[in-house]
Amino acid sequence: MAVIACLLAPPLASAQSQSAQDEFETGKRFFHGAPGVQPDLVKGAEWYRMAAEQGYAPAQFAYADCLRDGSGVRQDGVAARA
């Protein structure tokens, strides 16, 4: 139950105490869904973005895919290639 509570915490507050890898993993849980967590592309993309801004390469790729495909964010092919 504590894991679910952590996953559902507001991104900004939780991001302050999480590593980029933790943020990426949280993004995957939201983006794809997990036991007790309904898929939410918007929340997943937000967590990917936060981890990507810290330079975490897997999150950068995942967020670029979100931008390219318009999954959870407004589609932006230019930003996806940046």
N, C-alpha and C. Protein backbone atom coordinates (compact mmCIF):
# COMPACT_ATOMS: atom_id res chain seq x y z
N MET A 1 0.82 -1.19 0.00
CA MET A 1 0.00 0.00 0.00
C MET A 1 0.87 1.26 0.00
N ALA A 2 2.00 1.23 0.68
CA ALA A 2 2.87 2.39 0.73
C ALA A 2 3.43 2.71 -0.65
N VAL A 3 3.66 1.68 -1.46
CA VAL A 3 4.18 1.90 -2.81
C VAL A 3 3.17 2.66 -3.63
N ILE A 4 1.92 2.28 -3.55
CA ILE A 4 0.87 2.96 -4.31
C ILE A 4 0.74 4.40 -3.84
N ALA A 5 0.79 4.64 -2.54
CA ALA A 5 0.70 6.00 -2.03
C ALA A 5 1.84 6.85 -2.56
N CYS A 6 3.04 6.28 -2.64
CA CYS A 6 4.19 7.00 -3.18
C CYS A 6 3.97 7.32 -4.66
N LEU A 7 3.42 6.37 -5.40
CA LEU A 7 3.19 6.57 -6.83
C LEU A 7 2.15 7.65 -7.10
N LEU A 8 1.22 7.81 -6.18
CA LEU A 8 0.14 8.75 -6.41
C LEU A 8 0.41 10.13 -5.82
N ALA A 9 1.57 10.30 -5.20
CA ALA A 9 1.93 11.61 -4.65
C ALA A 9 2.12 12.62 -5.77
N PRO A 10 1.89 13.90 -5.49
CA PRO A 10 2.10 14.91 -6.53
C PRO A 10 3.53 14.88 -7.05
N PRO A 11 3.73 14.93 -8.37
CA PRO A 11 5.08 14.79 -8.93
C PRO A 11 6.09 15.77 -8.37
N LEU A 12 5.76 17.02 -8.23
CA LEU A 12 6.73 18.01 -7.78
C LEU A 12 7.22 17.71 -6.38
N ALA A 13 6.33 17.40 -5.48
CA ALA A 13 6.73 17.12 -4.10
C ALA A 13 7.58 15.85 -4.03
N SER A 14 7.20 14.83 -4.75
CA SER A 14 7.92 13.58 -4.70
C SER A 14 9.26 13.66 -5.41
N ALA A 15 9.33 14.43 -6.47
CA ALA A 15 10.55 14.52 -7.26
C ALA A 15 11.71 15.05 -6.45
N GLN A 16 11.43 15.85 -5.45
CA GLN A 16 12.50 16.43 -4.65
C GLN A 16 13.27 15.38 -3.87
N SER A 17 12.66 14.23 -3.61
CA SER A 17 13.32 13.22 -2.81
C SER A 17 13.65 11.97 -3.62
N GLN A 18 13.46 11.99 -4.94
CA GLN A 18 13.70 10.82 -5.76
C GLN A 18 14.85 11.04 -6.72
N SER A 19 15.55 9.96 -7.02
CA SER A 19 16.59 10.03 -8.03
C SER A 19 15.94 10.02 -9.40
N ALA A 20 16.71 10.37 -10.41
CA ALA A 20 16.19 10.36 -11.78
C ALA A 20 15.73 8.96 -12.17
N GLN A 21 16.45 7.94 -11.72
CA GLN A 21 16.04 6.57 -12.04
C GLN A 21 14.71 6.24 -11.38
N ASP A 22 14.51 6.67 -10.14
CA ASP A 22 13.24 6.44 -9.46
C ASP A 22 12.10 7.16 -10.18
N GLU A 23 12.36 8.39 -10.63
CA GLU A 23 11.34 9.13 -11.36
C GLU A 23 10.99 8.43 -12.66
N PHE A 24 12.00 7.91 -13.35
CA PHE A 24 11.77 7.17 -14.58
C PHE A 24 10.92 5.93 -14.32
N GLU A 25 11.25 5.19 -13.28
CA GLU A 25 10.48 3.98 -12.94
C GLU A 25 9.04 4.34 -12.58
N THR A 26 8.84 5.44 -11.87
CA THR A 26 7.49 5.89 -11.55
C THR A 26 6.76 6.25 -12.84
N GLY A 27 7.46 6.90 -13.76
CA GLY A 27 6.86 7.23 -15.05
C GLY A 27 6.41 6.00 -15.80
N LYS A 28 7.24 4.95 -15.78
CA LYS A 28 6.86 3.70 -16.45
C LYS A 28 5.60 3.11 -15.84
N ARG A 29 5.51 3.16 -14.51
CA ARG A 29 4.32 2.60 -13.85
C ARG A 29 3.06 3.35 -14.25
N PHE A 30 3.16 4.67 -14.31
CA PHE A 30 1.99 5.44 -14.74
C PHE A 30 1.72 5.25 -16.22
N PHE A 31 2.75 5.30 -17.04
CA PHE A 31 2.57 5.26 -18.49
C PHE A 31 1.97 3.92 -18.94
N HIS A 32 2.47 2.83 -18.38
CA HIS A 32 2.04 1.50 -18.81
C HIS A 32 1.04 0.86 -17.87
N GLY A 33 0.88 1.44 -16.68
CA GLY A 33 0.02 0.84 -15.67
C GLY A 33 0.81 -0.18 -14.87
N ALA A 34 0.34 -0.45 -13.69
CA ALA A 34 0.97 -1.41 -12.79
C ALA A 34 -0.13 -1.91 -11.85
N PRO A 35 0.14 -2.96 -11.11
CA PRO A 35 -0.88 -3.42 -10.17
C PRO A 35 -1.35 -2.28 -9.25
N GLY A 36 -2.61 -1.98 -9.32
CA GLY A 36 -3.18 -0.91 -8.49
C GLY A 36 -3.03 0.48 -9.08
N VAL A 37 -2.42 0.59 -10.26
CA VAL A 37 -2.21 1.90 -10.89
C VAL A 37 -2.75 1.83 -12.32
N GLN A 38 -3.76 2.63 -12.60
CA GLN A 38 -4.32 2.70 -13.95
C GLN A 38 -3.34 3.45 -14.85
N PRO A 39 -3.20 3.02 -16.11
CA PRO A 39 -2.33 3.77 -17.02
C PRO A 39 -2.80 5.22 -17.15
N ASP A 40 -1.85 6.13 -17.11
CA ASP A 40 -2.12 7.57 -17.24
C ASP A 40 -0.96 8.15 -18.03
N LEU A 41 -1.17 8.36 -19.33
CA LEU A 41 -0.09 8.84 -20.20
C LEU A 41 0.41 10.22 -19.80
N VAL A 42 -0.48 11.08 -19.34
CA VAL A 42 -0.06 12.44 -18.96
C VAL A 42 0.87 12.39 -17.75
N LYS A 43 0.49 11.65 -16.72
CA LYS A 43 1.35 11.54 -15.53
C LYS A 43 2.65 10.83 -15.87
N GLY A 44 2.56 9.78 -16.68
CA GLY A 44 3.77 9.07 -17.07
C GLY A 44 4.75 9.97 -17.80
N ALA A 45 4.24 10.75 -18.75
CA ALA A 45 5.10 11.67 -19.50
C ALA A 45 5.71 12.72 -18.59
N GLU A 46 4.95 13.19 -17.61
CA GLU A 46 5.47 14.20 -16.67
C GLU A 46 6.65 13.63 -15.87
N TRP A 47 6.51 12.40 -15.39
CA TRP A 47 7.60 11.77 -14.64
C TRP A 47 8.80 11.54 -15.55
N TYR A 48 8.57 11.11 -16.78
CA TYR A 48 9.67 10.95 -17.73
C TYR A 48 10.40 12.28 -17.93
N ARG A 49 9.62 13.36 -18.09
CA ARG A 49 10.22 14.68 -18.31
C ARG A 49 11.12 15.07 -17.13
N MET A 50 10.63 14.86 -15.92
CA MET A 50 11.42 15.25 -14.74
C MET A 50 12.73 14.47 -14.69
N ALA A 51 12.69 13.18 -14.99
CA ALA A 51 13.91 12.39 -14.99
C ALA A 51 14.82 12.79 -16.15
N ALA A 52 14.23 13.08 -17.30
CA ALA A 52 15.01 13.48 -18.48
C ALA A 52 15.74 14.79 -18.22
N GLU A 53 15.10 15.71 -17.52
CA GLU A 53 15.75 17.00 -17.23
C GLU A 53 16.97 16.84 -16.34
N GLN A 54 17.07 15.72 -15.65
CA GLN A 54 18.24 15.45 -14.81
C GLN A 54 19.32 14.71 -15.59
N GLY A 55 19.07 14.49 -16.88
CA GLY A 55 20.08 13.86 -17.73
C GLY A 55 20.03 12.34 -17.76
N TYR A 56 18.97 11.75 -17.26
CA TYR A 56 18.86 10.28 -17.23
C TYR A 56 18.47 9.80 -18.63
N ALA A 57 19.41 9.14 -19.32
CA ALA A 57 19.25 8.78 -20.73
C ALA A 57 18.00 7.96 -21.04
N PRO A 58 17.67 6.91 -20.28
CA PRO A 58 16.45 6.17 -20.61
C PRO A 58 15.20 7.06 -20.57
N ALA A 59 15.17 8.00 -19.64
CA ALA A 59 14.03 8.91 -19.55
C ALA A 59 14.03 9.89 -20.72
N GLN A 60 15.21 10.31 -21.15
CA GLN A 60 15.28 11.20 -22.31
C GLN A 60 14.71 10.52 -23.54
N PHE A 61 15.05 9.26 -23.74
CA PHE A 61 14.49 8.52 -24.88
C PHE A 61 12.98 8.35 -24.75
N ALA A 62 12.53 7.98 -23.54
CA ALA A 62 11.10 7.77 -23.33
C ALA A 62 10.31 9.05 -23.54
N TYR A 63 10.84 10.17 -23.01
CA TYR A 63 10.14 11.45 -23.17
C TYR A 63 10.15 11.90 -24.62
N ALA A 64 11.26 11.66 -25.32
CA ALA A 64 11.31 12.00 -26.75
C ALA A 64 10.27 11.20 -27.52
N ASP A 65 10.08 9.93 -27.16
CA ASP A 65 9.04 9.13 -27.80
C ASP A 65 7.65 9.72 -27.52
N CYS A 66 7.43 10.17 -26.28
CA CYS A 66 6.15 10.81 -25.95
C CYS A 66 5.93 12.04 -26.83
N LEU A 67 6.96 12.86 -26.97
CA LEU A 67 6.85 14.07 -27.79
C LEU A 67 6.62 13.72 -29.26
N ARG A 68 7.35 12.73 -29.74
CA ARG A 68 7.23 12.33 -31.15
C ARG A 68 5.82 11.81 -31.46
N ASP A 69 5.28 11.00 -30.53
CA ASP A 69 3.99 10.35 -30.76
C ASP A 69 2.80 11.13 -30.24
N GLY A 70 3.06 12.16 -29.41
CA GLY A 70 1.96 12.89 -28.79
C GLY A 70 1.28 12.07 -27.69
N SER A 71 2.05 11.24 -27.02
CA SER A 71 1.52 10.38 -25.95
C SER A 71 1.66 11.08 -24.60
N GLY A 72 0.56 11.61 -24.10
CA GLY A 72 0.56 12.28 -22.80
C GLY A 72 1.01 13.73 -22.86
N VAL A 73 1.48 14.17 -24.01
CA VAL A 73 1.91 15.55 -24.22
C VAL A 73 1.49 15.97 -25.63
N ARG A 74 1.55 17.26 -25.88
CA ARG A 74 1.27 17.73 -27.23
C ARG A 74 2.40 17.28 -28.15
N GLN A 75 2.05 16.74 -29.28
CA GLN A 75 3.05 16.24 -30.23
C GLN A 75 3.98 17.37 -30.68
N ASP A 76 5.27 17.11 -30.63
CA ASP A 76 6.27 18.12 -31.01
C ASP A 76 7.49 17.40 -31.56
N GLY A 77 7.50 17.16 -32.85
CA GLY A 77 8.59 16.45 -33.49
C GLY A 77 9.92 17.15 -33.39
N VAL A 78 9.90 18.48 -33.38
CA VAL A 78 11.14 19.24 -33.28
C VAL A 78 11.78 19.03 -31.91
N ALA A 79 10.99 19.15 -30.85
CA ALA A 79 11.52 18.95 -29.50
C ALA A 79 11.94 17.50 -29.29
N ALA A 80 11.25 16.57 -29.94
CA ALA A 80 11.59 15.16 -29.79
C ALA A 80 12.98 14.86 -30.32
N ARG A 81 13.40 15.60 -31.35
CA ARG A 81 14.73 15.38 -31.92
C ARG A 81 15.82 16.16 -31.21
N ALA A 82 15.47 17.05 -30.32
CA ALA A 82 16.47 17.88 -29.66
C ALA A 82 17.28 17.11 -28.64
